[in-house]
């Protein structure tokens, strides 16, 4: 989870104190950079912390879904698909469940927008930004790394850009989202499992370290 530490100057009044955020994996940033490689067999791994994430529950196919879609400026996704792009997206999680993903600092605005669209309906919108952190795995060998840990068929004919799935990497539940054809992926993992997942991924990346 996001760790908050108070940062105060000697003269600052308590009410003016600010909070410095620390991402779940910031202590491993240098290690991730060191263990990433480039080239024809390269693979890179880094954290994308603090993405805004809103869990959306809305009955599919109804007036409420249309209102939410209009408010977001994106269609709600079909099964295992993503609407939008890496900056503003809605990921399919289940028949009546989606995950809205946006840059840091957008959660409050998104909550207001979606809840206004749901007013009088039966859906819900919850800020889950602190629930998961996000890893970005990319490079020519990224798919091979994931295939060591994941039972999904990740061949391009079965899983490509704009696809997403809730799945296991090792024993860790993640949301896996393919961003592009490089291939590049976002891996969204509960903060408490992030360190363990990094260990698994770095181990799977080891054979590519020397190119």
N, C-alpha and C. Protein backbone atom coordinates (compact mmCIF):
# COMPACT_ATOMS: atom_id res chain seq x y z
N UNK A 1 0.84 -1.18 0.00
CA UNK A 1 0.00 0.00 0.00
C UNK A 1 0.88 1.23 0.00
N UNK A 2 0.29 2.37 -0.34
CA UNK A 2 1.03 3.62 -0.31
C UNK A 2 1.33 4.00 1.12
N UNK A 3 2.58 4.33 1.40
CA UNK A 3 3.00 4.71 2.74
C UNK A 3 3.06 6.21 2.82
N UNK A 4 2.47 6.79 3.86
CA UNK A 4 2.47 8.23 4.04
C UNK A 4 3.34 8.59 5.23
N UNK A 5 4.30 9.45 5.02
CA UNK A 5 5.14 9.96 6.10
C UNK A 5 4.94 11.45 6.21
N UNK A 6 4.78 11.95 7.44
CA UNK A 6 4.64 13.39 7.63
C UNK A 6 5.97 14.08 7.38
N UNK A 7 5.91 15.17 6.65
CA UNK A 7 7.08 15.98 6.40
C UNK A 7 6.77 17.38 6.90
N UNK A 8 7.44 17.81 7.96
CA UNK A 8 7.16 19.10 8.55
C UNK A 8 8.45 19.88 8.73
N UNK A 9 8.41 21.17 8.51
CA UNK A 9 9.54 22.02 8.86
C UNK A 9 9.42 22.37 10.33
N UNK A 10 10.51 22.88 10.90
CA UNK A 10 10.50 23.20 12.32
C UNK A 10 9.47 24.27 12.63
N UNK A 11 9.19 25.13 11.68
CA UNK A 11 8.28 26.24 11.95
C UNK A 11 6.88 26.00 11.42
N UNK A 12 6.65 24.87 10.75
CA UNK A 12 5.34 24.63 10.15
C UNK A 12 4.31 24.30 11.22
N UNK A 13 3.15 24.88 11.09
CA UNK A 13 2.06 24.53 11.98
C UNK A 13 1.53 23.16 11.59
N UNK A 14 0.98 22.39 12.55
CA UNK A 14 0.51 21.04 12.24
C UNK A 14 -0.47 21.00 11.09
N UNK A 15 -1.33 22.03 10.99
CA UNK A 15 -2.34 22.01 9.94
C UNK A 15 -1.75 22.23 8.55
N UNK A 16 -0.49 22.69 8.46
CA UNK A 16 0.12 22.91 7.15
C UNK A 16 1.06 21.77 6.77
N UNK A 17 1.14 20.74 7.61
CA UNK A 17 2.01 19.61 7.31
C UNK A 17 1.57 18.93 6.02
N UNK A 18 2.54 18.47 5.25
CA UNK A 18 2.24 17.74 4.03
C UNK A 18 2.66 16.29 4.20
N UNK A 19 2.23 15.45 3.27
CA UNK A 19 2.55 14.03 3.34
C UNK A 19 3.33 13.63 2.11
N UNK A 20 4.45 12.96 2.32
CA UNK A 20 5.26 12.46 1.21
C UNK A 20 4.84 11.02 0.93
N UNK A 21 4.48 10.75 -0.31
CA UNK A 21 4.05 9.41 -0.66
C UNK A 21 5.24 8.54 -1.02
N UNK A 22 5.14 7.28 -0.65
CA UNK A 22 6.17 6.31 -1.00
C UNK A 22 5.49 5.12 -1.64
N UNK A 23 5.89 4.80 -2.85
CA UNK A 23 5.26 3.68 -3.55
C UNK A 23 5.76 2.36 -2.99
N UNK A 24 5.01 1.28 -3.19
CA UNK A 24 5.39 -0.02 -2.64
C UNK A 24 6.74 -0.53 -3.12
N UNK A 25 7.19 -0.07 -4.29
CA UNK A 25 8.41 -0.63 -4.88
C UNK A 25 9.50 0.41 -5.11
N UNK A 26 9.38 1.59 -4.50
CA UNK A 26 10.39 2.62 -4.77
C UNK A 26 11.77 2.19 -4.28
N UNK A 27 11.81 1.33 -3.26
CA UNK A 27 13.11 0.87 -2.75
C UNK A 27 13.80 -0.08 -3.72
N UNK A 28 13.09 -0.52 -4.77
CA UNK A 28 13.68 -1.45 -5.73
C UNK A 28 13.88 -0.81 -7.10
N UNK A 29 13.68 0.48 -7.20
CA UNK A 29 13.77 1.15 -8.50
C UNK A 29 15.14 0.97 -9.15
N UNK A 30 16.21 1.16 -8.38
CA UNK A 30 17.56 1.02 -8.94
C UNK A 30 17.82 -0.42 -9.37
N UNK A 31 17.34 -1.37 -8.59
CA UNK A 31 17.51 -2.79 -8.94
C UNK A 31 16.78 -3.11 -10.23
N UNK A 32 15.56 -2.62 -10.39
CA UNK A 32 14.80 -2.89 -11.61
C UNK A 32 15.50 -2.31 -12.83
N UNK A 33 16.05 -1.12 -12.69
CA UNK A 33 16.78 -0.52 -13.81
C UNK A 33 18.03 -1.33 -14.15
N UNK A 34 18.72 -1.79 -13.12
CA UNK A 34 19.96 -2.55 -13.33
C UNK A 34 19.68 -3.90 -13.98
N UNK A 35 18.55 -4.50 -13.67
CA UNK A 35 18.24 -5.84 -14.18
C UNK A 35 17.49 -5.80 -15.51
N UNK A 36 17.19 -4.62 -16.01
CA UNK A 36 16.54 -4.50 -17.31
C UNK A 36 17.59 -4.49 -18.41
N UNK A 37 17.21 -4.97 -19.59
CA UNK A 37 18.16 -5.08 -20.70
C UNK A 37 17.53 -4.55 -21.98
N UNK A 38 18.38 -4.18 -22.93
CA UNK A 38 17.91 -3.71 -24.23
C UNK A 38 18.35 -4.68 -25.31
N UNK A 39 18.09 -4.35 -26.55
CA UNK A 39 18.51 -5.21 -27.64
C UNK A 39 17.41 -6.13 -28.12
N UNK A 40 17.79 -7.02 -29.05
CA UNK A 40 16.82 -7.89 -29.70
C UNK A 40 16.17 -8.87 -28.74
N UNK A 41 16.83 -9.15 -27.62
CA UNK A 41 16.28 -10.07 -26.61
C UNK A 41 16.11 -9.35 -25.28
N UNK A 42 15.87 -8.07 -25.36
CA UNK A 42 15.80 -7.26 -24.16
C UNK A 42 14.45 -7.34 -23.47
N UNK A 43 14.45 -6.98 -22.19
CA UNK A 43 13.21 -6.89 -21.41
C UNK A 43 13.44 -5.88 -20.29
N UNK A 44 12.45 -5.04 -20.07
CA UNK A 44 12.56 -3.95 -19.09
C UNK A 44 11.41 -4.04 -18.10
N UNK A 45 11.69 -3.69 -16.85
CA UNK A 45 10.68 -3.73 -15.80
C UNK A 45 10.81 -2.50 -14.93
N UNK A 46 9.72 -1.78 -14.73
CA UNK A 46 9.72 -0.68 -13.79
C UNK A 46 8.32 -0.48 -13.22
N UNK A 47 8.27 0.23 -12.11
CA UNK A 47 6.99 0.52 -11.46
C UNK A 47 6.37 1.78 -12.05
N UNK A 48 5.06 1.75 -12.21
CA UNK A 48 4.28 2.95 -12.53
C UNK A 48 3.38 3.23 -11.33
N UNK A 49 3.85 3.96 -10.36
CA UNK A 49 3.10 4.12 -9.11
C UNK A 49 1.98 5.15 -9.21
N UNK A 50 1.05 5.01 -8.29
CA UNK A 50 0.03 6.04 -8.02
C UNK A 50 -0.97 6.27 -9.15
N UNK A 51 -1.18 5.29 -10.02
CA UNK A 51 -2.23 5.45 -11.02
C UNK A 51 -3.58 5.55 -10.32
N UNK A 52 -4.45 6.40 -10.83
CA UNK A 52 -5.82 6.47 -10.31
C UNK A 52 -6.58 5.24 -10.79
N UNK A 53 -7.27 4.58 -9.86
CA UNK A 53 -8.02 3.37 -10.20
C UNK A 53 -9.38 3.41 -9.51
N UNK A 54 -10.42 3.27 -10.30
CA UNK A 54 -11.79 3.28 -9.80
C UNK A 54 -12.45 1.96 -10.17
N UNK A 55 -12.92 1.23 -9.16
CA UNK A 55 -13.68 0.00 -9.41
C UNK A 55 -15.12 0.39 -9.71
N UNK A 56 -15.59 -0.02 -10.86
CA UNK A 56 -16.92 0.35 -11.34
C UNK A 56 -17.82 -0.88 -11.40
N UNK A 57 -18.96 -0.80 -10.75
CA UNK A 57 -19.97 -1.86 -10.87
C UNK A 57 -21.22 -1.21 -11.47
N UNK A 58 -21.67 -1.76 -12.58
CA UNK A 58 -22.86 -1.23 -13.23
C UNK A 58 -23.53 -2.34 -14.04
N UNK A 59 -24.85 -2.45 -14.00
CA UNK A 59 -25.55 -3.48 -14.77
C UNK A 59 -25.25 -3.31 -16.26
N UNK A 60 -24.86 -4.39 -16.94
CA UNK A 60 -24.49 -4.26 -18.35
C UNK A 60 -25.69 -3.97 -19.25
N UNK A 61 -25.44 -3.18 -20.26
CA UNK A 61 -26.43 -3.01 -21.32
C UNK A 61 -27.60 -2.10 -21.02
N UNK A 62 -27.64 -1.47 -19.86
CA UNK A 62 -28.79 -0.65 -19.51
C UNK A 62 -28.53 0.83 -19.67
N UNK A 63 -29.54 1.60 -19.26
CA UNK A 63 -29.44 3.06 -19.33
C UNK A 63 -28.29 3.57 -18.48
N UNK A 64 -28.11 2.95 -17.31
CA UNK A 64 -27.04 3.39 -16.41
C UNK A 64 -25.67 3.20 -17.05
N UNK A 65 -25.46 2.07 -17.71
CA UNK A 65 -24.18 1.82 -18.39
C UNK A 65 -23.92 2.87 -19.47
N UNK A 66 -24.96 3.21 -20.20
CA UNK A 66 -24.82 4.23 -21.24
C UNK A 66 -24.46 5.58 -20.65
N UNK A 67 -25.08 5.90 -19.51
CA UNK A 67 -24.80 7.18 -18.86
C UNK A 67 -23.36 7.24 -18.37
N UNK A 68 -22.89 6.14 -17.79
CA UNK A 68 -21.50 6.09 -17.32
C UNK A 68 -20.54 6.20 -18.50
N UNK A 69 -20.83 5.47 -19.56
CA UNK A 69 -19.98 5.51 -20.76
C UNK A 69 -19.90 6.93 -21.31
N UNK A 70 -21.04 7.60 -21.39
CA UNK A 70 -21.06 8.97 -21.90
C UNK A 70 -20.25 9.90 -21.00
N UNK A 71 -20.36 9.70 -19.68
CA UNK A 71 -19.64 10.58 -18.74
C UNK A 71 -18.13 10.41 -18.85
N UNK A 72 -17.68 9.20 -19.18
CA UNK A 72 -16.25 8.92 -19.30
C UNK A 72 -15.71 9.24 -20.69
N UNK A 73 -16.60 9.33 -21.66
CA UNK A 73 -16.16 9.53 -23.03
C UNK A 73 -15.56 8.28 -23.65
N UNK A 74 -15.89 7.12 -23.07
CA UNK A 74 -15.39 5.84 -23.56
C UNK A 74 -16.50 4.80 -23.48
N UNK A 75 -16.59 3.89 -24.44
CA UNK A 75 -17.53 2.79 -24.30
C UNK A 75 -17.06 1.84 -23.21
N UNK A 76 -17.99 1.24 -22.48
CA UNK A 76 -17.59 0.21 -21.53
C UNK A 76 -17.10 -1.00 -22.32
N UNK A 77 -16.03 -1.65 -21.87
CA UNK A 77 -15.39 -2.69 -22.68
C UNK A 77 -16.18 -3.98 -22.74
N UNK A 78 -15.94 -4.73 -23.79
CA UNK A 78 -16.47 -6.08 -23.90
C UNK A 78 -15.53 -7.06 -23.18
N UNK A 79 -15.87 -8.33 -23.20
CA UNK A 79 -15.17 -9.34 -22.40
C UNK A 79 -13.67 -9.34 -22.66
N UNK A 80 -12.90 -9.19 -21.57
CA UNK A 80 -11.44 -9.22 -21.61
C UNK A 80 -10.81 -8.20 -22.56
N UNK A 81 -11.49 -7.08 -22.70
CA UNK A 81 -10.97 -6.02 -23.55
C UNK A 81 -10.81 -4.72 -22.75
N UNK A 82 -10.09 -3.79 -23.35
CA UNK A 82 -9.83 -2.48 -22.76
C UNK A 82 -10.35 -1.41 -23.71
N UNK A 83 -11.10 -0.45 -23.17
CA UNK A 83 -11.49 0.73 -23.93
C UNK A 83 -10.55 1.88 -23.57
N UNK A 84 -10.11 2.62 -24.57
CA UNK A 84 -9.23 3.74 -24.31
C UNK A 84 -7.77 3.40 -24.55
N UNK A 85 -6.89 4.16 -23.91
CA UNK A 85 -5.46 3.95 -24.07
C UNK A 85 -4.80 3.93 -22.70
N UNK A 86 -3.47 3.92 -22.66
CA UNK A 86 -2.79 3.77 -21.38
C UNK A 86 -2.97 4.98 -20.47
N UNK A 87 -3.42 6.10 -21.02
CA UNK A 87 -3.61 7.30 -20.21
C UNK A 87 -5.00 7.38 -19.58
N UNK A 88 -5.98 6.82 -20.25
CA UNK A 88 -7.37 6.89 -19.77
C UNK A 88 -8.08 5.67 -20.33
N UNK A 89 -8.39 4.72 -19.47
CA UNK A 89 -8.90 3.44 -19.96
C UNK A 89 -9.92 2.85 -19.01
N UNK A 90 -10.73 1.95 -19.56
CA UNK A 90 -11.65 1.14 -18.77
C UNK A 90 -11.37 -0.31 -19.11
N UNK A 91 -11.06 -1.12 -18.10
CA UNK A 91 -10.72 -2.52 -18.28
C UNK A 91 -11.88 -3.40 -17.84
N UNK A 92 -12.18 -4.41 -18.62
CA UNK A 92 -13.23 -5.38 -18.26
C UNK A 92 -12.70 -6.32 -17.18
N UNK A 93 -13.43 -6.45 -16.08
CA UNK A 93 -13.07 -7.40 -15.03
C UNK A 93 -14.12 -8.50 -14.87
N UNK A 94 -15.35 -8.23 -15.25
CA UNK A 94 -16.43 -9.20 -15.11
C UNK A 94 -17.67 -8.65 -15.78
N UNK A 95 -18.76 -9.45 -15.81
CA UNK A 95 -19.97 -9.03 -16.53
C UNK A 95 -20.53 -7.68 -16.09
N UNK A 96 -20.39 -7.35 -14.80
CA UNK A 96 -20.90 -6.05 -14.33
C UNK A 96 -19.81 -5.24 -13.62
N UNK A 97 -18.55 -5.57 -13.90
CA UNK A 97 -17.44 -4.94 -13.17
C UNK A 97 -16.35 -4.50 -14.14
N UNK A 98 -15.88 -3.27 -13.95
CA UNK A 98 -14.79 -2.73 -14.76
C UNK A 98 -13.82 -1.97 -13.85
N UNK A 99 -12.65 -1.68 -14.38
CA UNK A 99 -11.66 -0.89 -13.67
C UNK A 99 -11.29 0.31 -14.52
N UNK A 100 -11.53 1.50 -13.99
CA UNK A 100 -11.15 2.73 -14.67
C UNK A 100 -9.73 3.08 -14.25
N UNK A 101 -8.87 3.35 -15.20
CA UNK A 101 -7.46 3.67 -14.93
C UNK A 101 -7.13 5.02 -15.57
N UNK A 102 -6.50 5.88 -14.79
CA UNK A 102 -6.15 7.23 -15.26
C UNK A 102 -4.89 7.68 -14.54
N UNK A 103 -4.31 8.79 -14.96
CA UNK A 103 -3.10 9.28 -14.30
C UNK A 103 -3.33 9.65 -12.84
N UNK A 104 -2.24 9.78 -12.13
CA UNK A 104 -2.26 10.18 -10.72
C UNK A 104 -3.05 11.48 -10.55
N UNK A 105 -3.84 11.53 -9.48
CA UNK A 105 -4.57 12.74 -9.16
C UNK A 105 -5.94 12.87 -9.79
N UNK A 106 -6.37 11.86 -10.54
CA UNK A 106 -7.66 11.94 -11.24
C UNK A 106 -8.78 11.20 -10.52
N UNK A 107 -8.48 10.50 -9.44
CA UNK A 107 -9.48 9.63 -8.81
C UNK A 107 -10.70 10.40 -8.32
N UNK A 108 -10.47 11.50 -7.62
CA UNK A 108 -11.60 12.26 -7.05
C UNK A 108 -12.53 12.76 -8.15
N UNK A 109 -11.95 13.30 -9.22
CA UNK A 109 -12.76 13.79 -10.33
C UNK A 109 -13.54 12.65 -10.98
N UNK A 110 -12.89 11.52 -11.18
CA UNK A 110 -13.56 10.38 -11.80
C UNK A 110 -14.71 9.87 -10.94
N UNK A 111 -14.48 9.81 -9.62
CA UNK A 111 -15.55 9.37 -8.72
C UNK A 111 -16.77 10.26 -8.84
N UNK A 112 -16.57 11.56 -8.81
CA UNK A 112 -17.70 12.49 -8.93
C UNK A 112 -18.42 12.30 -10.26
N UNK A 113 -17.64 12.17 -11.32
CA UNK A 113 -18.22 12.03 -12.66
C UNK A 113 -19.07 10.78 -12.76
N UNK A 114 -18.53 9.65 -12.32
CA UNK A 114 -19.24 8.38 -12.44
C UNK A 114 -20.45 8.33 -11.51
N UNK A 115 -20.28 8.79 -10.29
CA UNK A 115 -21.40 8.75 -9.34
C UNK A 115 -22.55 9.65 -9.79
N UNK A 116 -22.22 10.77 -10.40
CA UNK A 116 -23.28 11.62 -10.96
C UNK A 116 -24.03 10.87 -12.06
N UNK A 117 -23.29 10.14 -12.89
CA UNK A 117 -23.93 9.39 -13.97
C UNK A 117 -24.76 8.23 -13.44
N UNK A 118 -24.38 7.69 -12.28
CA UNK A 118 -25.09 6.56 -11.69
C UNK A 118 -26.25 6.99 -10.80
N UNK A 119 -26.42 8.25 -10.59
CA UNK A 119 -27.41 8.74 -9.63
C UNK A 119 -28.79 8.15 -9.92
N UNK A 120 -29.37 7.54 -8.88
CA UNK A 120 -30.68 6.93 -9.02
C UNK A 120 -30.63 5.50 -9.53
N UNK A 121 -29.44 5.02 -9.88
CA UNK A 121 -29.29 3.66 -10.38
C UNK A 121 -28.81 2.70 -9.31
N UNK A 122 -28.37 1.52 -9.73
CA UNK A 122 -27.98 0.48 -8.78
C UNK A 122 -26.49 0.17 -8.79
N UNK A 123 -25.70 0.95 -9.49
CA UNK A 123 -24.27 0.67 -9.58
C UNK A 123 -23.49 1.30 -8.45
N UNK A 124 -22.16 1.16 -8.52
CA UNK A 124 -21.28 1.75 -7.51
C UNK A 124 -19.96 2.11 -8.16
N UNK A 125 -19.25 3.02 -7.50
CA UNK A 125 -17.90 3.40 -7.92
C UNK A 125 -17.07 3.61 -6.67
N UNK A 126 -15.91 2.96 -6.59
CA UNK A 126 -15.07 2.99 -5.39
C UNK A 126 -13.63 3.27 -5.80
N UNK A 127 -12.99 4.19 -5.09
CA UNK A 127 -11.58 4.49 -5.33
C UNK A 127 -10.72 3.37 -4.75
N UNK A 128 -10.03 2.63 -5.62
CA UNK A 128 -9.17 1.53 -5.19
C UNK A 128 -7.71 1.82 -5.58
N UNK A 129 -7.38 3.09 -5.73
CA UNK A 129 -6.03 3.46 -6.18
C UNK A 129 -4.94 2.94 -5.26
N UNK A 130 -5.22 2.88 -3.95
CA UNK A 130 -4.21 2.43 -2.99
C UNK A 130 -4.16 0.91 -2.86
N UNK A 131 -5.05 0.23 -3.57
CA UNK A 131 -5.12 -1.23 -3.46
C UNK A 131 -4.02 -1.93 -4.25
N UNK A 132 -3.69 -1.36 -5.41
CA UNK A 132 -2.71 -2.00 -6.30
C UNK A 132 -1.65 -0.99 -6.72
N UNK A 133 -0.46 -1.52 -6.98
CA UNK A 133 0.52 -0.76 -7.74
C UNK A 133 0.63 -1.41 -9.11
N UNK A 134 1.34 -0.74 -10.01
CA UNK A 134 1.42 -1.20 -11.39
C UNK A 134 2.86 -1.37 -11.81
N UNK A 135 3.14 -2.51 -12.42
CA UNK A 135 4.44 -2.78 -13.02
C UNK A 135 4.30 -2.73 -14.53
N UNK A 136 5.32 -2.21 -15.19
CA UNK A 136 5.34 -2.20 -16.66
C UNK A 136 6.47 -3.10 -17.12
N UNK A 137 6.11 -4.10 -17.89
CA UNK A 137 7.06 -5.06 -18.44
C UNK A 137 7.03 -4.90 -19.95
N UNK A 138 8.19 -4.65 -20.55
CA UNK A 138 8.21 -4.38 -21.99
C UNK A 138 9.52 -4.87 -22.60
N UNK A 139 9.52 -4.94 -23.93
CA UNK A 139 10.69 -5.39 -24.65
C UNK A 139 10.41 -6.65 -25.43
N UNK A 140 11.28 -6.99 -26.38
CA UNK A 140 11.06 -8.16 -27.23
C UNK A 140 10.85 -9.46 -26.47
N UNK A 141 11.48 -9.60 -25.30
CA UNK A 141 11.38 -10.85 -24.54
C UNK A 141 10.30 -10.83 -23.46
N UNK A 142 9.50 -9.76 -23.40
CA UNK A 142 8.52 -9.63 -22.31
C UNK A 142 7.52 -10.78 -22.30
N UNK A 143 7.05 -11.19 -23.48
CA UNK A 143 6.07 -12.28 -23.53
C UNK A 143 6.69 -13.58 -23.00
N UNK A 144 7.93 -13.84 -23.36
CA UNK A 144 8.59 -15.06 -22.88
C UNK A 144 8.73 -15.06 -21.36
N UNK A 145 8.99 -13.90 -20.79
CA UNK A 145 9.09 -13.80 -19.33
C UNK A 145 7.75 -14.16 -18.69
N UNK A 146 6.67 -13.60 -19.21
CA UNK A 146 5.35 -13.88 -18.65
C UNK A 146 4.96 -15.34 -18.82
N UNK A 147 5.34 -15.93 -19.94
CA UNK A 147 4.95 -17.31 -20.20
C UNK A 147 5.56 -18.28 -19.20
N UNK A 148 6.64 -17.87 -18.53
CA UNK A 148 7.22 -18.72 -17.49
C UNK A 148 6.36 -18.75 -16.23
N UNK A 149 5.50 -17.75 -16.07
CA UNK A 149 4.75 -17.58 -14.82
C UNK A 149 3.24 -17.70 -14.99
N UNK A 150 2.77 -17.67 -16.23
CA UNK A 150 1.33 -17.52 -16.49
C UNK A 150 0.83 -18.66 -17.38
N UNK A 151 -0.34 -19.19 -17.05
CA UNK A 151 -0.90 -20.29 -17.84
C UNK A 151 -1.76 -19.81 -19.00
N UNK A 152 -2.01 -18.51 -19.11
CA UNK A 152 -2.76 -17.99 -20.24
C UNK A 152 -1.99 -18.19 -21.54
N UNK A 153 -2.72 -18.36 -22.63
CA UNK A 153 -2.11 -18.37 -23.95
C UNK A 153 -1.86 -16.92 -24.35
N UNK A 154 -0.60 -16.52 -24.33
CA UNK A 154 -0.24 -15.13 -24.63
C UNK A 154 0.24 -14.94 -26.06
N UNK A 155 0.11 -15.97 -26.89
CA UNK A 155 0.48 -15.82 -28.30
C UNK A 155 -0.35 -14.69 -28.90
N UNK A 156 0.24 -13.91 -29.83
CA UNK A 156 -0.49 -12.77 -30.41
C UNK A 156 -1.84 -13.12 -31.02
N UNK A 157 -2.02 -14.36 -31.45
CA UNK A 157 -3.32 -14.72 -32.02
C UNK A 157 -4.41 -14.81 -30.95
N UNK A 158 -3.98 -14.94 -29.67
CA UNK A 158 -4.94 -15.11 -28.58
C UNK A 158 -5.00 -13.93 -27.62
N UNK A 159 -3.89 -13.21 -27.48
CA UNK A 159 -3.82 -12.12 -26.50
C UNK A 159 -2.95 -11.03 -27.09
N UNK A 160 -3.55 -9.89 -27.38
CA UNK A 160 -2.81 -8.83 -28.04
C UNK A 160 -3.11 -7.47 -27.45
N UNK A 161 -2.68 -6.40 -28.11
CA UNK A 161 -2.92 -5.05 -27.62
C UNK A 161 -4.41 -4.80 -27.37
N UNK A 162 -4.71 -4.23 -26.22
CA UNK A 162 -6.10 -3.97 -25.86
C UNK A 162 -6.79 -5.11 -25.18
N UNK A 163 -6.07 -6.21 -24.93
CA UNK A 163 -6.62 -7.33 -24.17
C UNK A 163 -6.21 -7.22 -22.71
N UNK A 164 -7.06 -7.73 -21.83
CA UNK A 164 -6.73 -7.77 -20.40
C UNK A 164 -7.36 -9.01 -19.79
N UNK A 165 -6.83 -9.42 -18.65
CA UNK A 165 -7.36 -10.59 -17.95
C UNK A 165 -6.93 -10.56 -16.50
N UNK A 166 -7.80 -11.06 -15.63
CA UNK A 166 -7.40 -11.35 -14.27
C UNK A 166 -6.84 -12.77 -14.28
N UNK A 167 -5.62 -12.92 -13.83
CA UNK A 167 -4.95 -14.21 -13.93
C UNK A 167 -3.93 -14.35 -12.81
N UNK A 168 -3.22 -15.47 -12.82
CA UNK A 168 -2.16 -15.71 -11.85
C UNK A 168 -0.80 -15.59 -12.52
N UNK A 169 0.12 -14.89 -11.87
CA UNK A 169 1.54 -14.97 -12.21
C UNK A 169 2.19 -15.66 -11.04
N UNK A 170 2.67 -16.88 -11.27
CA UNK A 170 3.06 -17.69 -10.13
C UNK A 170 1.82 -17.96 -9.30
N UNK A 171 1.84 -17.52 -8.05
CA UNK A 171 0.66 -17.66 -7.19
C UNK A 171 0.02 -16.32 -6.87
N UNK A 172 0.34 -15.31 -7.64
CA UNK A 172 -0.12 -13.96 -7.37
C UNK A 172 -1.23 -13.58 -8.35
N UNK A 173 -2.37 -13.14 -7.81
CA UNK A 173 -3.46 -12.66 -8.66
C UNK A 173 -3.12 -11.27 -9.17
N UNK A 174 -3.23 -11.08 -10.47
CA UNK A 174 -2.93 -9.78 -11.09
C UNK A 174 -3.99 -9.46 -12.13
N UNK A 175 -4.02 -8.20 -12.53
CA UNK A 175 -4.70 -7.79 -13.75
C UNK A 175 -3.61 -7.57 -14.79
N UNK A 176 -3.67 -8.34 -15.86
CA UNK A 176 -2.66 -8.26 -16.92
C UNK A 176 -3.27 -7.55 -18.13
N UNK A 177 -2.58 -6.55 -18.63
CA UNK A 177 -3.09 -5.70 -19.71
C UNK A 177 -1.99 -5.52 -20.74
N UNK A 178 -2.23 -5.98 -21.97
CA UNK A 178 -1.25 -5.76 -23.02
C UNK A 178 -1.48 -4.40 -23.66
N UNK A 179 -0.43 -3.59 -23.69
CA UNK A 179 -0.52 -2.22 -24.19
C UNK A 179 -0.24 -2.09 -25.68
N UNK A 180 0.75 -2.84 -26.17
CA UNK A 180 1.19 -2.64 -27.55
C UNK A 180 1.80 -3.92 -28.08
N UNK A 181 2.32 -3.84 -29.32
CA UNK A 181 2.84 -5.04 -29.99
C UNK A 181 4.32 -5.29 -29.70
N UNK A 182 4.97 -4.44 -28.94
CA UNK A 182 6.43 -4.60 -28.74
C UNK A 182 6.84 -5.99 -28.27
N UNK A 183 6.28 -6.63 -27.28
CA UNK A 183 5.07 -6.27 -26.56
C UNK A 183 5.38 -5.53 -25.25
N UNK A 184 4.41 -4.72 -24.83
CA UNK A 184 4.48 -4.07 -23.53
C UNK A 184 3.24 -4.40 -22.73
N UNK A 185 3.41 -4.60 -21.44
CA UNK A 185 2.31 -5.00 -20.57
C UNK A 185 2.27 -4.13 -19.32
N UNK A 186 1.08 -3.92 -18.80
CA UNK A 186 0.90 -3.45 -17.44
C UNK A 186 0.44 -4.62 -16.59
N UNK A 187 1.06 -4.73 -15.42
CA UNK A 187 0.71 -5.78 -14.47
C UNK A 187 0.28 -5.08 -13.19
N UNK A 188 -0.99 -5.21 -12.85
CA UNK A 188 -1.54 -4.51 -11.69
C UNK A 188 -1.69 -5.53 -10.57
N UNK A 189 -1.00 -5.27 -9.46
CA UNK A 189 -0.88 -6.25 -8.38
C UNK A 189 -1.16 -5.59 -7.04
N UNK A 190 -1.75 -6.35 -6.13
CA UNK A 190 -1.99 -5.82 -4.79
C UNK A 190 -0.65 -5.43 -4.16
N UNK A 191 -0.66 -4.32 -3.47
CA UNK A 191 0.58 -3.77 -2.94
C UNK A 191 1.32 -4.76 -2.04
N UNK A 192 0.58 -5.55 -1.27
CA UNK A 192 1.21 -6.47 -0.33
C UNK A 192 1.93 -7.62 -1.03
N UNK A 193 1.63 -7.85 -2.31
CA UNK A 193 2.29 -8.92 -3.06
C UNK A 193 3.31 -8.38 -4.06
N UNK A 194 3.48 -7.08 -4.11
CA UNK A 194 4.31 -6.48 -5.16
C UNK A 194 5.77 -6.92 -5.08
N UNK A 195 6.35 -6.93 -3.88
CA UNK A 195 7.74 -7.34 -3.74
C UNK A 195 7.94 -8.78 -4.20
N UNK A 196 7.04 -9.65 -3.79
CA UNK A 196 7.14 -11.07 -4.17
C UNK A 196 7.03 -11.22 -5.68
N UNK A 197 6.10 -10.49 -6.30
CA UNK A 197 5.95 -10.59 -7.75
C UNK A 197 7.20 -10.09 -8.47
N UNK A 198 7.80 -9.03 -7.97
CA UNK A 198 9.05 -8.55 -8.57
C UNK A 198 10.12 -9.63 -8.51
N UNK A 199 10.22 -10.33 -7.39
CA UNK A 199 11.18 -11.43 -7.29
C UNK A 199 10.94 -12.47 -8.37
N UNK A 200 9.67 -12.83 -8.58
CA UNK A 200 9.34 -13.82 -9.61
C UNK A 200 9.71 -13.32 -11.00
N UNK A 201 9.38 -12.09 -11.28
CA UNK A 201 9.66 -11.54 -12.61
C UNK A 201 11.15 -11.40 -12.87
N UNK A 202 11.90 -10.94 -11.88
CA UNK A 202 13.35 -10.81 -12.06
C UNK A 202 14.00 -12.16 -12.27
N UNK A 203 13.52 -13.16 -11.58
CA UNK A 203 14.05 -14.51 -11.78
C UNK A 203 13.76 -14.98 -13.21
N UNK A 204 12.55 -14.71 -13.69
CA UNK A 204 12.19 -15.10 -15.06
C UNK A 204 12.96 -14.30 -16.10
N UNK A 205 13.41 -13.10 -15.75
CA UNK A 205 14.16 -12.25 -16.67
C UNK A 205 15.65 -12.58 -16.71
N UNK A 206 16.13 -13.38 -15.78
CA UNK A 206 17.57 -13.55 -15.59
C UNK A 206 18.28 -14.04 -16.85
N UNK A 207 17.67 -14.92 -17.62
CA UNK A 207 18.35 -15.48 -18.79
C UNK A 207 18.61 -14.43 -19.87
N UNK A 208 17.88 -13.30 -19.80
CA UNK A 208 18.04 -12.27 -20.82
C UNK A 208 19.01 -11.18 -20.39
N UNK A 209 19.57 -11.30 -19.20
CA UNK A 209 20.40 -10.23 -18.65
C UNK A 209 21.63 -9.96 -19.50
N UNK A 210 22.19 -11.00 -20.08
CA UNK A 210 23.39 -10.85 -20.90
C UNK A 210 23.07 -10.78 -22.39
N UNK A 211 21.77 -10.56 -22.70
CA UNK A 211 21.38 -10.45 -24.10
C UNK A 211 21.26 -11.79 -24.79
